[in-house]
């Protein structure tokens, strides 16, 4: 089992920055293959934002956030980060942390609101 706890959401003006954190804990964190971020805006489906391979550090991003968001990890702390710059109102959503090992695990979500 893997438990994920997100933090760092909040309210920010357009053009501003936020950094999200997601800490993983549990018996099977050693088996995590990748971690990432998804988001869900009101009335929309959950969508992929970014992912990072836990051992290689390779990353992938949705086109909508490329060049603005950066995903990183601290293996010693079992924590993944999402640095979000140049935020837009369209980035407003609940952001969910995801971990992939033998199963998929989700955090509880953290609200990000970008005002225009």
PDB file of N, CA and C in Angstrom:
ATOM      1  N   UNK A   1       0.835  -1.200   0.000  1.00  0.00           N
ATOM      2  CA  UNK A   1       0.000   0.000   0.000  1.00  0.00           C
ATOM      3  C   UNK A   1       0.864   1.242   0.000  1.00  0.00           C
ATOM      4  N   UNK A   2       0.378   2.256  -0.683  1.00  0.00           N
ATOM      5  CA  UNK A   2       1.054   3.553  -0.749  1.00  0.00           C
ATOM      6  C   UNK A   2       0.043   4.631  -0.395  1.00  0.00           C
ATOM      7  N   UNK A   3       0.418   5.490   0.524  1.00  0.00           N
ATOM      8  CA  UNK A   3      -0.412   6.645   0.853  1.00  0.00           C
ATOM      9  C   UNK A   3       0.259   7.909   0.314  1.00  0.00           C
ATOM     10  N   UNK A   4      -0.565   8.780  -0.253  1.00  0.00           N
ATOM     11  CA  UNK A   4      -0.067  10.014  -0.851  1.00  0.00           C
ATOM     12  C   UNK A   4      -0.737  11.211  -0.187  1.00  0.00           C
ATOM     13  N   UNK A   5       0.058  12.192   0.197  1.00  0.00           N
ATOM     14  CA  UNK A   5      -0.473  13.404   0.827  1.00  0.00           C
ATOM     15  C   UNK A   5       0.058  14.615   0.063  1.00  0.00           C
ATOM     16  N   UNK A   6      -0.868  15.382  -0.512  1.00  0.00           N
ATOM     17  CA  UNK A   6      -0.500  16.562  -1.281  1.00  0.00           C
ATOM     18  C   UNK A   6      -0.567  17.812  -0.416  1.00  0.00           C
ATOM     19  N   UNK A   7       0.195  18.811  -0.821  1.00  0.00           N
ATOM     20  CA  UNK A   7       0.129  20.122  -0.182  1.00  0.00           C
ATOM     21  C   UNK A   7       0.597  21.174  -1.177  1.00  0.00           C
ATOM     22  N   UNK A   8       0.293  22.437  -0.853  1.00  0.00           N
ATOM     23  CA  UNK A   8       0.822  23.535  -1.657  1.00  0.00           C
ATOM     24  C   UNK A   8      -0.171  24.241  -2.539  1.00  0.00           C
ATOM     25  N   UNK A   9      -1.404  23.780  -2.580  1.00  0.00           N
ATOM     26  CA  UNK A   9      -2.389  24.480  -3.396  1.00  0.00           C
ATOM     27  C   UNK A   9      -2.769  25.809  -2.782  1.00  0.00           C
ATOM     28  N   UNK A  10      -3.568  26.579  -3.520  1.00  0.00           N
ATOM     29  CA  UNK A  10      -4.009  27.860  -3.012  1.00  0.00           C
ATOM     30  C   UNK A  10      -4.543  28.753  -4.096  1.00  0.00           C
ATOM     31  N   UNK A  11      -4.693  30.020  -3.765  1.00  0.00           N
ATOM     32  CA  UNK A  11      -5.205  31.037  -4.680  1.00  0.00           C
ATOM     33  C   UNK A  11      -4.046  31.916  -5.131  1.00  0.00           C
ATOM     34  N   UNK A  12      -3.954  32.136  -6.437  1.00  0.00           N
ATOM     35  CA  UNK A  12      -2.877  32.951  -6.978  1.00  0.00           C
ATOM     36  C   UNK A  12      -3.406  33.739  -8.167  1.00  0.00           C
ATOM     37  N   UNK A  13      -2.824  34.888  -8.416  1.00  0.00           N
ATOM     38  CA  UNK A  13      -3.217  35.672  -9.579  1.00  0.00           C
ATOM     39  C   UNK A  13      -2.566  35.110 -10.844  1.00  0.00           C
ATOM     40  N   UNK A  14      -3.201  35.377 -11.966  1.00  0.00           N
ATOM     41  CA  UNK A  14      -2.631  34.960 -13.251  1.00  0.00           C
ATOM     42  C   UNK A  14      -1.215  35.501 -13.401  1.00  0.00           C
ATOM     43  N   UNK A  15      -0.325  34.637 -13.889  1.00  0.00           N
ATOM     44  CA  UNK A  15       1.071  34.993 -14.021  1.00  0.00           C
ATOM     45  C   UNK A  15       1.908  34.601 -12.822  1.00  0.00           C
ATOM     46  N   UNK A  16       1.256  34.216 -11.746  1.00  0.00           N
ATOM     47  CA  UNK A  16       1.952  33.840 -10.526  1.00  0.00           C
ATOM     48  C   UNK A  16       2.432  32.397 -10.545  1.00  0.00           C
ATOM     49  N   UNK A  17       2.983  31.977  -9.410  1.00  0.00           N
ATOM     50  CA  UNK A  17       3.566  30.642  -9.283  1.00  0.00           C
ATOM     51  C   UNK A  17       3.078  29.952  -8.017  1.00  0.00           C
ATOM     52  N   UNK A  18       3.064  28.638  -8.079  1.00  0.00           N
ATOM     53  CA  UNK A  18       2.797  27.786  -6.921  1.00  0.00           C
ATOM     54  C   UNK A  18       3.650  26.532  -7.044  1.00  0.00           C
ATOM     55  N   UNK A  19       3.960  25.929  -5.903  1.00  0.00           N
ATOM     56  CA  UNK A  19       4.645  24.650  -5.925  1.00  0.00           C
ATOM     57  C   UNK A  19       3.840  23.646  -5.115  1.00  0.00           C
ATOM     58  N   UNK A  20       3.482  22.562  -5.769  1.00  0.00           N
ATOM     59  CA  UNK A  20       2.767  21.468  -5.114  1.00  0.00           C
ATOM     60  C   UNK A  20       3.765  20.394  -4.678  1.00  0.00           C
ATOM     61  N   UNK A  21       3.453  19.763  -3.559  1.00  0.00           N
ATOM     62  CA  UNK A  21       4.259  18.655  -3.060  1.00  0.00           C
ATOM     63  C   UNK A  21       3.374  17.445  -2.825  1.00  0.00           C
ATOM     64  N   UNK A  22       3.945  16.272  -2.978  1.00  0.00           N
ATOM     65  CA  UNK A  22       3.223  15.037  -2.712  1.00  0.00           C
ATOM     66  C   UNK A  22       4.189  14.062  -2.064  1.00  0.00           C
ATOM     67  N   UNK A  23       3.907  13.711  -0.816  1.00  0.00           N
ATOM     68  CA  UNK A  23       4.752  12.790  -0.073  1.00  0.00           C
ATOM     69  C   UNK A  23       4.125  11.403  -0.059  1.00  0.00           C
ATOM     70  N   UNK A  24       4.919  10.406  -0.406  1.00  0.00           N
ATOM     71  CA  UNK A  24       4.465   9.019  -0.425  1.00  0.00           C
ATOM     72  C   UNK A  24       4.963   8.296   0.815  1.00  0.00           C
ATOM     73  N   UNK A  25       4.104   7.462   1.366  1.00  0.00           N
ATOM     74  CA  UNK A  25       4.488   6.643   2.513  1.00  0.00           C
ATOM     75  C   UNK A  25       3.793   5.298   2.410  1.00  0.00           C
ATOM     76  N   UNK A  26       4.257   4.341   3.204  1.00  0.00           N
ATOM     77  CA  UNK A  26       3.646   3.027   3.182  1.00  0.00           C
ATOM     78  C   UNK A  26       4.656   1.924   2.971  1.00  0.00           C
ATOM     79  N   UNK A  27       4.153   0.699   3.045  1.00  0.00           N
ATOM     80  CA  UNK A  27       5.020  -0.475   2.996  1.00  0.00           C
ATOM     81  C   UNK A  27       5.653  -0.696   1.650  1.00  0.00           C
ATOM     82  N   UNK A  28       4.999  -0.242   0.578  1.00  0.00           N
ATOM     83  CA  UNK A  28       5.462  -0.611  -0.755  1.00  0.00           C
ATOM     84  C   UNK A  28       5.973   0.574  -1.552  1.00  0.00           C
ATOM     85  N   UNK A  29       6.417   1.643  -0.879  1.00  0.00           N
ATOM     86  CA  UNK A  29       6.946   2.788  -1.619  1.00  0.00           C
ATOM     87  C   UNK A  29       8.184   2.411  -2.420  1.00  0.00           C
ATOM     88  N   UNK A  30       8.880   1.342  -1.979  1.00  0.00           N
ATOM     89  CA  UNK A  30      10.085   0.935  -2.694  1.00  0.00           C
ATOM     90  C   UNK A  30       9.767   0.466  -4.113  1.00  0.00           C
ATOM     91  N   UNK A  31       8.531   0.091  -4.339  1.00  0.00           N
ATOM     92  CA  UNK A  31       8.149  -0.459  -5.640  1.00  0.00           C
ATOM     93  C   UNK A  31       7.543   0.583  -6.577  1.00  0.00           C
ATOM     94  N   UNK A  32       7.576   1.849  -6.168  1.00  0.00           N
ATOM     95  CA  UNK A  32       7.005   2.889  -7.034  1.00  0.00           C
ATOM     96  C   UNK A  32       7.801   2.992  -8.322  1.00  0.00           C
ATOM     97  N   UNK A  33       7.102   2.959  -9.430  1.00  0.00           N
ATOM     98  CA  UNK A  33       7.731   3.051 -10.748  1.00  0.00           C
ATOM     99  C   UNK A  33       7.752   4.485 -11.245  1.00  0.00           C
ATOM    100  N   UNK A  34       6.642   5.180 -11.041  1.00  0.00           N
ATOM    101  CA  UNK A  34       6.562   6.577 -11.459  1.00  0.00           C
ATOM    102  C   UNK A  34       5.567   7.311 -10.581  1.00  0.00           C
ATOM    103  N   UNK A  35       5.698   8.616 -10.563  1.00  0.00           N
ATOM    104  CA  UNK A  35       4.730   9.476  -9.886  1.00  0.00           C
ATOM    105  C   UNK A  35       4.384  10.619 -10.806  1.00  0.00           C
ATOM    106  N   UNK A  36       3.205  11.167 -10.593  1.00  0.00           N
ATOM    107  CA  UNK A  36       2.786  12.235 -11.483  1.00  0.00           C
ATOM    108  C   UNK A  36       1.661  13.053 -10.913  1.00  0.00           C
ATOM    109  N   UNK A  37       1.192  13.964 -11.735  1.00  0.00           N
ATOM    110  CA  UNK A  37       0.112  14.873 -11.360  1.00  0.00           C
ATOM    111  C   UNK A  37      -0.974  14.853 -12.433  1.00  0.00           C
ATOM    112  N   UNK A  38      -2.201  14.841 -11.992  1.00  0.00           N
ATOM    113  CA  UNK A  38      -3.381  14.994 -12.829  1.00  0.00           C
ATOM    114  C   UNK A  38      -4.190  16.146 -12.255  1.00  0.00           C
ATOM    115  N   UNK A  39      -5.107  16.632 -13.025  1.00  0.00           N
ATOM    116  CA  UNK A  39      -5.989  17.695 -12.519  1.00  0.00           C
ATOM    117  C   UNK A  39      -7.399  17.522 -13.064  1.00  0.00           C
ATOM    118  N   UNK A  40      -8.346  18.076 -12.315  1.00  0.00           N
ATOM    119  CA  UNK A  40      -9.755  18.000 -12.730  1.00  0.00           C
ATOM    120  C   UNK A  40     -10.418  19.326 -12.440  1.00  0.00           C
ATOM    121  N   UNK A  41     -10.850  19.975 -13.492  1.00  0.00           N
ATOM    122  CA  UNK A  41     -11.584  21.234 -13.377  1.00  0.00           C
ATOM    123  C   UNK A  41     -13.073  20.940 -13.259  1.00  0.00           C
ATOM    124  N   UNK A  42     -13.866  21.860 -12.721  1.00  0.00           N
ATOM    125  CA  UNK A  42     -15.305  21.634 -12.571  1.00  0.00           C
ATOM    126  C   UNK A  42     -15.964  21.295 -13.900  1.00  0.00           C
ATOM    127  N   UNK A  43     -16.711  20.224 -13.900  1.00  0.00           N
ATOM    128  CA  UNK A  43     -17.442  19.825 -15.100  1.00  0.00           C
ATOM    129  C   UNK A  43     -16.606  19.152 -16.170  1.00  0.00           C
ATOM    130  N   UNK A  44     -15.336  18.892 -15.870  1.00  0.00           N
ATOM    131  CA  UNK A  44     -14.449  18.277 -16.852  1.00  0.00           C
ATOM    132  C   UNK A  44     -13.877  16.968 -16.303  1.00  0.00           C
ATOM    133  N   UNK A  45     -13.349  16.159 -17.220  1.00  0.00           N
ATOM    134  CA  UNK A  45     -12.728  14.914 -16.804  1.00  0.00           C
ATOM    135  C   UNK A  45     -11.322  15.176 -16.253  1.00  0.00           C
ATOM    136  N   UNK A  46     -10.863  14.240 -15.450  1.00  0.00           N
ATOM    137  CA  UNK A  46      -9.512  14.324 -14.936  1.00  0.00           C
ATOM    138  C   UNK A  46      -8.525  14.182 -16.102  1.00  0.00           C
ATOM    139  N   UNK A  47      -7.509  15.051 -16.106  1.00  0.00           N
ATOM    140  CA  UNK A  47      -6.554  15.012 -17.204  1.00  0.00           C
ATOM    141  C   UNK A  47      -5.120  14.942 -16.692  1.00  0.00           C
ATOM    142  N   UNK A  48      -4.268  14.353 -17.516  1.00  0.00           N
ATOM    143  CA  UNK A  48      -2.855  14.214 -17.205  1.00  0.00           C
ATOM    144  C   UNK A  48      -2.163  15.566 -17.247  1.00  0.00           C
ATOM    145  N   UNK A  49      -1.239  15.784 -16.298  1.00  0.00           N
ATOM    146  CA  UNK A  49      -0.450  17.019 -16.282  1.00  0.00           C
ATOM    147  C   UNK A  49       1.031  16.720 -16.497  1.00  0.00           C
ATOM    148  N   UNK A  50       1.592  15.856 -15.654  1.00  0.00           N
ATOM    149  CA  UNK A  50       3.028  15.568 -15.752  1.00  0.00           C
ATOM    150  C   UNK A  50       3.331  14.276 -15.020  1.00  0.00           C
ATOM    151  N   UNK A  51       4.442  13.633 -15.430  1.00  0.00           N
ATOM    152  CA  UNK A  51       4.862  12.416 -14.772  1.00  0.00           C
ATOM    153  C   UNK A  51       6.390  12.344 -14.730  1.00  0.00           C
ATOM    154  N   UNK A  52       6.929  11.606 -13.770  1.00  0.00           N
ATOM    155  CA  UNK A  52       8.370  11.431 -13.649  1.00  0.00           C
ATOM    156  C   UNK A  52       8.673   9.983 -13.295  1.00  0.00           C
ATOM    157  N   UNK A  53       9.626   9.399 -13.998  1.00  0.00           N
ATOM    158  CA  UNK A  53      10.076   8.048 -13.687  1.00  0.00           C
ATOM    159  C   UNK A  53      10.919   8.080 -12.419  1.00  0.00           C
ATOM    160  N   UNK A  54      10.563   7.238 -11.467  1.00  0.00           N
ATOM    161  CA  UNK A  54      11.161   7.354 -10.136  1.00  0.00           C
ATOM    162  C   UNK A  54      12.655   7.058 -10.118  1.00  0.00           C
ATOM    163  N   UNK A  55      13.110   6.122 -10.937  1.00  0.00           N
ATOM    164  CA  UNK A  55      14.534   5.777 -10.908  1.00  0.00           C
ATOM    165  C   UNK A  55      15.347   6.555 -11.935  1.00  0.00           C
ATOM    166  N   UNK A  56      14.781   6.761 -13.119  1.00  0.00           N
ATOM    167  CA  UNK A  56      15.531   7.424 -14.183  1.00  0.00           C
ATOM    168  C   UNK A  56      15.421   8.943 -14.128  1.00  0.00           C
ATOM    169  N   UNK A  57      14.321   9.423 -13.580  1.00  0.00           N
ATOM    170  CA  UNK A  57      14.111  10.866 -13.538  1.00  0.00           C
ATOM    171  C   UNK A  57      13.597  11.450 -14.839  1.00  0.00           C
ATOM    172  N   UNK A  58      13.288  10.609 -15.805  1.00  0.00           N
ATOM    173  CA  UNK A  58      12.744  11.110 -17.061  1.00  0.00           C
ATOM    174  C   UNK A  58      11.339  11.644 -16.839  1.00  0.00           C
ATOM    175  N   UNK A  59      10.976  12.657 -17.624  1.00  0.00           N
ATOM    176  CA  UNK A  59       9.707  13.354 -17.403  1.00  0.00           C
ATOM    177  C   UNK A  59       8.884  13.444 -18.670  1.00  0.00           C
ATOM    178  N   UNK A  60       7.595  13.693 -18.497  1.00  0.00           N
ATOM    179  CA  UNK A  60       6.687  13.941 -19.609  1.00  0.00           C
ATOM    180  C   UNK A  60       5.629  14.922 -19.134  1.00  0.00           C
ATOM    181  N   UNK A  61       5.157  15.752 -20.074  1.00  0.00           N
ATOM    182  CA  UNK A  61       4.195  16.809 -19.741  1.00  0.00           C
ATOM    183  C   UNK A  61       3.067  16.863 -20.742  1.00  0.00           C
ATOM    184  N   UNK A  62       1.924  17.327 -20.272  1.00  0.00           N
ATOM    185  CA  UNK A  62       0.845  17.659 -21.189  1.00  0.00           C
ATOM    186  C   UNK A  62       1.260  18.898 -21.979  1.00  0.00           C
ATOM    187  N   UNK A  63       0.794  18.967 -23.226  1.00  0.00           N
ATOM    188  CA  UNK A  63       1.155  20.115 -24.064  1.00  0.00           C
ATOM    189  C   UNK A  63       0.734  21.441 -23.426  1.00  0.00           C
ATOM    190  N   UNK A  64      -0.359  21.415 -22.716  1.00  0.00           N
ATOM    191  CA  UNK A  64      -0.906  22.652 -22.146  1.00  0.00           C
ATOM    192  C   UNK A  64      -0.023  23.254 -21.050  1.00  0.00           C
ATOM    193  N   UNK A  65       0.902  22.461 -20.492  1.00  0.00           N
ATOM    194  CA  UNK A  65       1.728  22.974 -19.395  1.00  0.00           C
ATOM    195  C   UNK A  65       3.213  23.001 -19.727  1.00  0.00           C
ATOM    196  N   UNK A  66       3.582  22.488 -20.894  1.00  0.00           N
ATOM    197  CA  UNK A  66       4.998  22.465 -21.273  1.00  0.00           C
ATOM    198  C   UNK A  66       5.591  23.859 -21.252  1.00  0.00           C
ATOM    199  N   UNK A  67       6.776  23.959 -20.675  1.00  0.00           N
ATOM    200  CA  UNK A  67       7.456  25.250 -20.604  1.00  0.00           C
ATOM    201  C   UNK A  67       7.025  26.100 -19.417  1.00  0.00           C
ATOM    202  N   UNK A  68       5.958  25.700 -18.736  1.00  0.00           N
ATOM    203  CA  UNK A  68       5.480  26.464 -17.570  1.00  0.00           C
ATOM    204  C   UNK A  68       5.586  25.663 -16.275  1.00  0.00           C
ATOM    205  N   UNK A  69       5.346  24.356 -16.362  1.00  0.00           N
ATOM    206  CA  UNK A  69       5.368  23.496 -15.182  1.00  0.00           C
ATOM    207  C   UNK A  69       6.617  22.619 -15.225  1.00  0.00           C
ATOM    208  N   UNK A  70       7.147  22.312 -14.028  1.00  0.00           N
ATOM    209  CA  UNK A  70       8.289  21.415 -13.926  1.00  0.00           C
ATOM    210  C   UNK A  70       8.035  20.405 -12.816  1.00  0.00           C
ATOM    211  N   UNK A  71       8.163  19.131 -13.152  1.00  0.00           N
ATOM    212  CA  UNK A  71       8.015  18.076 -12.168  1.00  0.00           C
ATOM    213  C   UNK A  71       9.405  17.606 -11.743  1.00  0.00           C
ATOM    214  N   UNK A  72       9.556  17.338 -10.442  1.00  0.00           N
ATOM    215  CA  UNK A  72      10.833  16.859  -9.918  1.00  0.00           C
ATOM    216  C   UNK A  72      10.561  15.935  -8.739  1.00  0.00           C
ATOM    217  N   UNK A  73      11.614  15.218  -8.326  1.00  0.00           N
ATOM    218  CA  UNK A  73      11.401  14.326  -7.187  1.00  0.00           C
ATOM    219  C   UNK A  73      12.624  14.321  -6.283  1.00  0.00           C
ATOM    220  N   UNK A  74      12.336  13.957  -5.019  1.00  0.00           N
ATOM    221  CA  UNK A  74      13.379  13.756  -4.019  1.00  0.00           C
ATOM    222  C   UNK A  74      13.223  12.319  -3.539  1.00  0.00           C
ATOM    223  N   UNK A  75      14.080  11.444  -4.060  1.00  0.00           N
ATOM    224  CA  UNK A  75      13.928  10.029  -3.746  1.00  0.00           C
ATOM    225  C   UNK A  75      14.082   9.750  -2.256  1.00  0.00           C
ATOM    226  N   UNK A  76      14.981  10.472  -1.611  1.00  0.00           N
ATOM    227  CA  UNK A  76      15.222  10.230  -0.183  1.00  0.00           C
ATOM    228  C   UNK A  76      13.989  10.545   0.652  1.00  0.00           C
ATOM    229  N   UNK A  77      13.203  11.524   0.196  1.00  0.00           N
ATOM    230  CA  UNK A  77      12.003  11.931   0.932  1.00  0.00           C
ATOM    231  C   UNK A  77      10.737  11.306   0.359  1.00  0.00           C
ATOM    232  N   UNK A  78      10.887  10.487  -0.690  1.00  0.00           N
ATOM    233  CA  UNK A  78       9.704   9.906  -1.354  1.00  0.00           C
ATOM    234  C   UNK A  78       8.688  10.987  -1.698  1.00  0.00           C
ATOM    235  N   UNK A  79       9.181  12.086  -2.222  1.00  0.00           N
ATOM    236  CA  UNK A  79       8.324  13.243  -2.503  1.00  0.00           C
ATOM    237  C   UNK A  79       8.493  13.701  -3.942  1.00  0.00           C
ATOM    238  N   UNK A  80       7.389  14.037  -4.551  1.00  0.00           N
ATOM    239  CA  UNK A  80       7.389  14.605  -5.897  1.00  0.00           C
ATOM    240  C   UNK A  80       6.849  16.023  -5.819  1.00  0.00           C
ATOM    241  N   UNK A  81       7.383  16.884  -6.659  1.00  0.00           N
ATOM    242  CA  UNK A  81       6.997  18.295  -6.665  1.00  0.00           C
ATOM    243  C   UNK A  81       6.490  18.694  -8.043  1.00  0.00           C
ATOM    244  N   UNK A  82       5.643  19.707  -8.056  1.00  0.00           N
ATOM    245  CA  UNK A  82       5.205  20.306  -9.314  1.00  0.00           C
ATOM    246  C   UNK A  82       5.349  21.815  -9.169  1.00  0.00           C
ATOM    247  N   UNK A  83       6.351  22.360  -9.811  1.00  0.00           N
ATOM    248  CA  UNK A  83       6.542  23.801  -9.826  1.00  0.00           C
ATOM    249  C   UNK A  83       5.725  24.376 -10.977  1.00  0.00           C
ATOM    250  N   UNK A  84       4.799  25.253 -10.668  1.00  0.00           N
ATOM    251  CA  UNK A  84       3.896  25.815 -11.660  1.00  0.00           C
ATOM    252  C   UNK A  84       4.150  27.313 -11.786  1.00  0.00           C
ATOM    253  N   UNK A  85       4.613  27.728 -12.940  1.00  0.00           N
ATOM    254  CA  UNK A  85       4.891  29.133 -13.213  1.00  0.00           C
ATOM    255  C   UNK A  85       3.952  29.660 -14.299  1.00  0.00           C
ATOM    256  N   UNK A  86       3.882  30.958 -14.410  1.00  0.00           N
ATOM    257  CA  UNK A  86       3.051  31.606 -15.432  1.00  0.00           C
ATOM    258  C   UNK A  86       1.644  31.011 -15.439  1.00  0.00           C
ATOM    259  N   UNK A  87       1.073  30.916 -14.282  1.00  0.00           N
ATOM    260  CA  UNK A  87      -0.243  30.285 -14.152  1.00  0.00           C
ATOM    261  C   UNK A  87      -1.327  31.078 -14.867  1.00  0.00           C
ATOM    262  N   UNK A  88      -2.289  30.354 -15.413  1.00  0.00           N
ATOM    263  CA  UNK A  88      -3.405  30.925 -16.146  1.00  0.00           C
ATOM    264  C   UNK A  88      -4.704  30.527 -15.465  1.00  0.00           C
ATOM    265  N   UNK A  89      -5.767  31.294 -15.687  1.00  0.00           N
ATOM    266  CA  UNK A  89      -7.062  30.889 -15.121  1.00  0.00           C
ATOM    267  C   UNK A  89      -7.477  29.482 -15.545  1.00  0.00           C
ATOM    268  N   UNK A  90      -7.076  29.056 -16.744  1.00  0.00           N
ATOM    269  CA  UNK A  90      -7.414  27.697 -17.208  1.00  0.00           C
ATOM    270  C   UNK A  90      -6.712  26.616 -16.408  1.00  0.00           C
ATOM    271  N   UNK A  91      -5.724  26.976 -15.604  1.00  0.00           N
ATOM    272  CA  UNK A  91      -5.057  25.998 -14.749  1.00  0.00           C
ATOM    273  C   UNK A  91      -5.834  25.718 -13.467  1.00  0.00           C
ATOM    274  N   UNK A  92      -6.900  26.458 -13.248  1.00  0.00           N
ATOM    275  CA  UNK A  92      -7.722  26.247 -12.062  1.00  0.00           C
ATOM    276  C   UNK A  92      -8.321  24.850 -12.059  1.00  0.00           C
ATOM    277  N   UNK A  93      -8.061  24.101 -10.997  1.00  0.00           N
ATOM    278  CA  UNK A  93      -8.522  22.717 -10.911  1.00  0.00           C
ATOM    279  C   UNK A  93      -8.129  22.147  -9.551  1.00  0.00           C
ATOM    280  N   UNK A  94      -8.646  20.968  -9.267  1.00  0.00           N
ATOM    281  CA  UNK A  94      -8.117  20.170  -8.161  1.00  0.00           C
ATOM    282  C   UNK A  94      -6.998  19.317  -8.737  1.00  0.00           C
ATOM    283  N   UNK A  95      -5.834  19.401  -8.120  1.00  0.00           N
ATOM    284  CA  UNK A  95      -4.665  18.669  -8.589  1.00  0.00           C
ATOM    285  C   UNK A  95      -4.466  17.421  -7.728  1.00  0.00           C
ATOM    286  N   UNK A  96      -4.324  16.299  -8.416  1.00  0.00           N
ATOM    287  CA  UNK A  96      -4.187  15.012  -7.745  1.00  0.00           C
ATOM    288  C   UNK A  96      -2.804  14.421  -8.015  1.00  0.00           C
ATOM    289  N   UNK A  97      -2.201  13.914  -6.964  1.00  0.00           N
ATOM    290  CA  UNK A  97      -0.944  13.183  -7.084  1.00  0.00           C
ATOM    291  C   UNK A  97      -1.259  11.721  -7.396  1.00  0.00           C
ATOM    292  N   UNK A  98      -0.433  11.108  -8.211  1.00  0.00           N
ATOM    293  CA  UNK A  98      -0.624   9.722  -8.609  1.00  0.00           C
ATOM    294  C   UNK A  98       0.695   8.965  -8.476  1.00  0.00           C
ATOM    295  N   UNK A  99       0.627   7.747  -7.987  1.00  0.00           N
ATOM    296  CA  UNK A  99       1.813   6.885  -7.919  1.00  0.00           C
ATOM    297  C   UNK A  99       1.483   5.551  -8.565  1.00  0.00           C
ATOM    298  N   UNK A 100       2.425   5.045  -9.328  1.00  0.00           N
ATOM    299  CA  UNK A 100       2.246   3.771 -10.017  1.00  0.00           C
ATOM    300  C   UNK A 100       3.262   2.782  -9.475  1.00  0.00           C
ATOM    301  N   UNK A 101       2.773   1.692  -8.927  1.00  0.00           N
ATOM    302  CA  UNK A 101       3.650   0.578  -8.566  1.00  0.00           C
ATOM    303  C   UNK A 101       2.951  -0.671  -9.080  1.00  0.00           C
ATOM    304  N   UNK A 102       2.585  -1.577  -8.211  1.00  0.00           N
ATOM    305  CA  UNK A 102       1.779  -2.709  -8.662  1.00  0.00           C
ATOM    306  C   UNK A 102       0.337  -2.270  -8.888  1.00  0.00           C
ATOM    307  N   UNK A 103      -0.043  -1.170  -8.296  1.00  0.00           N
ATOM    308  CA  UNK A 103      -1.367  -0.573  -8.477  1.00  0.00           C
ATOM    309  C   UNK A 103      -1.196   0.924  -8.693  1.00  0.00           C
ATOM    310  N   UNK A 104      -2.313   1.559  -8.977  1.00  0.00           N
ATOM    311  CA  UNK A 104      -2.327   3.011  -9.062  1.00  0.00           C
ATOM    312  C   UNK A 104      -2.852   3.562  -7.746  1.00  0.00           C
ATOM    313  N   UNK A 105      -2.191   4.586  -7.242  1.00  0.00           N
ATOM    314  CA  UNK A 105      -2.615   5.220  -6.004  1.00  0.00           C
ATOM    315  C   UNK A 105      -2.840   6.699  -6.255  1.00  0.00           C
ATOM    316  N   UNK A 106      -3.815   7.270  -5.490  1.00  0.00           N
ATOM    317  CA  UNK A 106      -4.172   8.672  -5.660  1.00  0.00           C
ATOM    318  C   UNK A 106      -4.152   9.396  -4.333  1.00  0.00           C
ATOM    319  N   UNK A 107      -3.761  10.654  -4.358  1.00  0.00           N
ATOM    320  CA  UNK A 107      -3.899  11.504  -3.197  1.00  0.00           C
ATOM    321  C   UNK A 107      -5.305  12.054  -3.105  1.00  0.00           C
ATOM    322  N   UNK A 108      -5.535  12.874  -2.067  1.00  0.00           N
ATOM    323  CA  UNK A 108      -6.876  13.397  -1.838  1.00  0.00           C
ATOM    324  C   UNK A 108      -7.166  14.628  -2.690  1.00  0.00           C
ATOM    325  N   UNK A 109      -6.146  15.203  -3.263  1.00  0.00           N
ATOM    326  CA  UNK A 109      -6.317  16.369  -4.124  1.00  0.00           C
ATOM    327  C   UNK A 109      -6.072  17.672  -3.379  1.00  0.00           C
ATOM    328  N   UNK A 110      -5.587  18.664  -4.109  1.00  0.00           N
ATOM    329  CA  UNK A 110      -5.375  19.992  -3.548  1.00  0.00           C
ATOM    330  C   UNK A 110      -5.873  21.025  -4.561  1.00  0.00           C
ATOM    331  N   UNK A 111      -6.615  22.011  -4.071  1.00  0.00           N
ATOM    332  CA  UNK A 111      -7.240  22.999  -4.957  1.00  0.00           C
ATOM    333  C   UNK A 111      -6.233  24.061  -5.380  1.00  0.00           C
ATOM    334  N   UNK A 112      -6.198  24.333  -6.658  1.00  0.00           N
ATOM    335  CA  UNK A 112      -5.431  25.445  -7.220  1.00  0.00           C
ATOM    336  C   UNK A 112      -6.407  26.360  -7.932  1.00  0.00           C
ATOM    337  N   UNK A 113      -6.435  27.608  -7.527  1.00  0.00           N
ATOM    338  CA  UNK A 113      -7.320  28.590  -8.145  1.00  0.00           C
ATOM    339  C   UNK A 113      -6.494  29.756  -8.654  1.00  0.00           C
ATOM    340  N   UNK A 114      -6.639  30.060  -9.932  1.00  0.00           N
ATOM    341  CA  UNK A 114      -5.905  31.154 -10.558  1.00  0.00           C
ATOM    342  C   UNK A 114      -6.906  32.221 -10.977  1.00  0.00           C
ATOM    343  N   UNK A 115      -6.769  33.385 -10.397  1.00  0.00           N
ATOM    344  CA  UNK A 115      -7.692  34.489 -10.694  1.00  0.00           C
ATOM    345  C   UNK A 115      -7.140  35.339 -11.832  1.00  0.00           C
ATOM    346  N   UNK A 116      -8.060  35.891 -12.613  1.00  0.00           N
ATOM    347  CA  UNK A 116      -7.656  36.716 -13.774  1.00  0.00           C
ATOM    348  C   UNK A 116      -7.482  38.176 -13.396  1.00  0.00           C
TER     349      UNK A 116
END
